């Protein structure tokens, strides 16, 4: 499982001209799954990202968590995080989990985010063609990879 975490001042997702999810200050999460990912990995990843201290305090030090800043979460499914570009000019997505397996894990991920953070989780629509708008804060971007974090 991979998550690209960006701290944002605001973010929203539009589908066919209609906003389907939006947040103010918080996390924009791009979330992808690969074979072998399961609910246990998802829960570990959620616990990790909710405990991160990635927002600046009054002294400009990266020292505050999402809870500390009363942040919100916008979660977007993103199979392209598992693109392989080593074999030519067109990406291969064979490393991405198949949609019929990934969608239930994505739903579980979002429910775990809500359960463990007690926050409303805004999302896009799994598999939809979305326009993601964000105002990055910093910018501050992290990549969390379960294969690296939980060897």
Protein backbone atom coordinates (compact mmCIF):
# COMPACT_ATOMS: atom_id res chain seq x y z
CA UNK A 1 0.00 0.00 0.00
CA UNK A 2 1.21 3.46 -0.85
CA UNK A 3 -0.07 6.80 0.34
CA UNK A 4 1.04 10.18 -0.92
CA UNK A 5 0.21 12.62 1.88
CA UNK A 6 0.10 16.33 1.16
CA UNK A 7 -0.70 18.97 3.73
CA UNK A 8 -3.18 21.39 2.23
CA UNK A 9 -4.92 24.64 3.09
CA UNK A 10 -7.89 23.36 1.09
CA UNK A 11 -8.74 20.67 -1.43
CA UNK A 12 -11.76 19.44 -3.33
CA UNK A 13 -12.71 16.88 -5.95
CA UNK A 14 -14.99 17.56 -8.90
CA UNK A 15 -16.67 14.96 -11.08
CA UNK A 16 -18.52 16.21 -14.15
CA UNK A 17 -18.54 19.75 -12.76
CA UNK A 18 -19.93 18.79 -9.35
CA UNK A 19 -17.90 18.88 -6.13
CA UNK A 20 -18.11 15.47 -4.46
CA UNK A 21 -15.63 15.96 -1.60
CA UNK A 22 -13.91 18.93 -0.02
CA UNK A 23 -11.87 19.93 3.02
CA UNK A 24 -10.15 22.94 4.44
CA UNK A 25 -6.86 22.61 6.34
CA UNK A 26 -5.61 19.01 6.56
CA UNK A 27 -4.46 16.00 4.54
CA UNK A 28 -4.96 15.25 0.89
CA UNK A 29 -4.28 11.52 0.60
CA UNK A 30 -3.63 9.69 -2.67
CA UNK A 31 -4.07 6.00 -1.89
CA UNK A 32 -2.99 2.95 -3.90
CA UNK A 33 -2.97 -0.81 -3.32
CA UNK A 34 -0.92 -3.71 -4.63
CA UNK A 35 -1.15 -7.49 -4.35
CA UNK A 36 -0.67 -8.74 -0.81
CA UNK A 37 -2.28 -5.69 0.78
CA UNK A 38 -4.95 -6.55 3.33
CA UNK A 39 -6.94 -5.07 6.21
CA UNK A 40 -4.05 -5.50 8.64
CA UNK A 41 -1.76 -3.39 6.43
CA UNK A 42 -4.50 -0.81 5.97
CA UNK A 43 -5.00 -0.44 9.72
CA UNK A 44 -1.24 -0.09 10.32
CA UNK A 45 -1.01 2.59 7.62
CA UNK A 46 -3.95 4.51 9.06
CA UNK A 47 -2.45 4.39 12.55
CA UNK A 48 0.88 5.62 11.19
CA UNK A 49 -0.45 8.56 9.23
CA UNK A 50 -2.79 9.72 11.99
CA UNK A 51 0.12 9.92 14.45
CA UNK A 52 2.43 11.87 12.16
CA UNK A 53 3.44 15.35 13.26
CA UNK A 54 3.70 17.24 9.99
CA UNK A 55 2.24 20.69 10.68
CA UNK A 56 4.27 23.64 11.96
CA UNK A 57 3.86 24.89 15.51
CA UNK A 58 3.99 28.56 16.58
CA UNK A 59 7.78 28.49 16.20
CA UNK A 60 7.70 27.07 12.68
CA UNK A 61 8.85 23.62 13.79
CA UNK A 62 7.15 20.60 12.20
CA UNK A 63 5.67 19.40 15.46
CA UNK A 64 1.86 19.23 15.26
CA UNK A 65 -0.45 16.37 14.30
CA UNK A 66 -3.66 16.44 12.31
CA UNK A 67 -5.60 16.48 15.59
CA UNK A 68 -3.51 19.35 16.94
CA UNK A 69 -4.53 21.57 14.00
CA UNK A 70 -8.12 20.25 13.89
CA UNK A 71 -7.39 19.10 10.34
CA UNK A 72 -9.61 17.29 7.89
CA UNK A 73 -8.96 14.46 5.42
CA UNK A 74 -9.67 14.13 1.71
CA UNK A 75 -8.95 10.62 0.44
CA UNK A 76 -8.52 9.80 -3.27
CA UNK A 77 -8.04 6.34 -4.76
CA UNK A 78 -4.95 6.36 -6.98
CA UNK A 79 -3.94 3.11 -8.69
CA UNK A 80 -1.27 4.98 -10.67
CA UNK A 81 0.95 5.00 -7.56
CA UNK A 82 1.92 1.50 -8.69
CA UNK A 83 2.88 2.49 -12.23
CA UNK A 84 6.01 0.85 -13.62
CA UNK A 85 7.88 3.03 -16.12
CA UNK A 86 11.03 0.92 -16.44
CA UNK A 87 10.06 -0.79 -19.69
CA UNK A 88 9.45 1.98 -22.16
CA UNK A 89 7.50 5.18 -22.46
CA UNK A 90 4.04 4.01 -21.45
CA UNK A 91 3.43 3.10 -17.79
CA UNK A 92 2.41 -0.43 -16.90
CA UNK A 93 -0.08 -0.86 -14.09
CA UNK A 94 0.28 -4.59 -13.51
CA UNK A 95 1.57 -3.83 -9.99
CA UNK A 96 -1.70 -2.17 -9.01
CA UNK A 97 -4.31 -4.28 -7.27
CA UNK A 98 -7.28 -5.15 -9.47
CA UNK A 99 -10.29 -2.85 -8.93
CA UNK A 100 -12.61 -5.56 -7.58
CA UNK A 101 -10.06 -6.21 -4.80
CA UNK A 102 -8.87 -2.63 -4.28
CA UNK A 103 -12.29 -0.99 -3.90
CA UNK A 104 -13.25 -2.89 -0.72
CA UNK A 105 -9.81 -2.12 0.77
CA UNK A 106 -10.20 1.55 -0.14
CA UNK A 107 -13.63 1.60 1.55
CA UNK A 108 -12.11 -0.10 4.61
CA UNK A 109 -9.24 2.43 4.61
CA UNK A 110 -11.71 5.32 4.70
CA UNK A 111 -13.82 3.71 7.42
CA UNK A 112 -10.67 3.09 9.51
CA UNK A 113 -9.65 6.73 9.05
CA UNK A 114 -13.03 7.79 10.39
CA UNK A 115 -13.06 5.26 13.20
CA UNK A 116 -9.54 5.95 14.46
CA UNK A 117 -9.61 9.73 14.01
CA UNK A 118 -13.23 10.51 14.82
CA UNK A 119 -13.25 12.79 11.78
CA UNK A 120 -15.51 13.02 8.79
CA UNK A 121 -13.59 11.67 5.80
CA UNK A 122 -14.25 13.25 2.41
CA UNK A 123 -13.53 11.09 -0.61
CA UNK A 124 -13.62 10.97 -4.33
CA UNK A 125 -15.40 8.19 -6.18
CA UNK A 126 -13.45 4.97 -6.70
CA UNK A 127 -12.56 4.49 -10.37
CA UNK A 128 -14.09 7.79 -11.49
CA UNK A 129 -12.40 10.39 -13.67
CA UNK A 130 -11.85 13.14 -11.11
CA UNK A 131 -10.44 16.63 -11.06
CA UNK A 132 -8.50 17.11 -7.83
CA UNK A 133 -7.93 20.71 -6.79
CA UNK A 134 -5.62 21.56 -3.92
CA UNK A 135 -3.76 24.41 -2.31
CA UNK A 136 -0.66 22.73 -0.94
CA UNK A 137 0.70 24.03 2.35
CA UNK A 138 4.46 24.29 2.31
CA UNK A 139 4.39 22.36 0.05
CA UNK A 140 4.80 19.40 2.36
CA UNK A 141 4.53 15.94 0.79
CA UNK A 142 5.34 12.50 2.18
CA UNK A 143 5.23 9.07 0.59
CA UNK A 144 4.27 6.23 2.90
CA UNK A 145 4.95 2.75 1.53
CA UNK A 146 3.83 -0.23 3.62
CA UNK A 147 6.61 -2.40 2.15
CA UNK A 148 9.20 0.04 3.55
CA UNK A 149 7.43 0.81 6.84
CA UNK A 150 6.47 -2.73 7.88
CA UNK A 151 9.25 -4.99 6.56
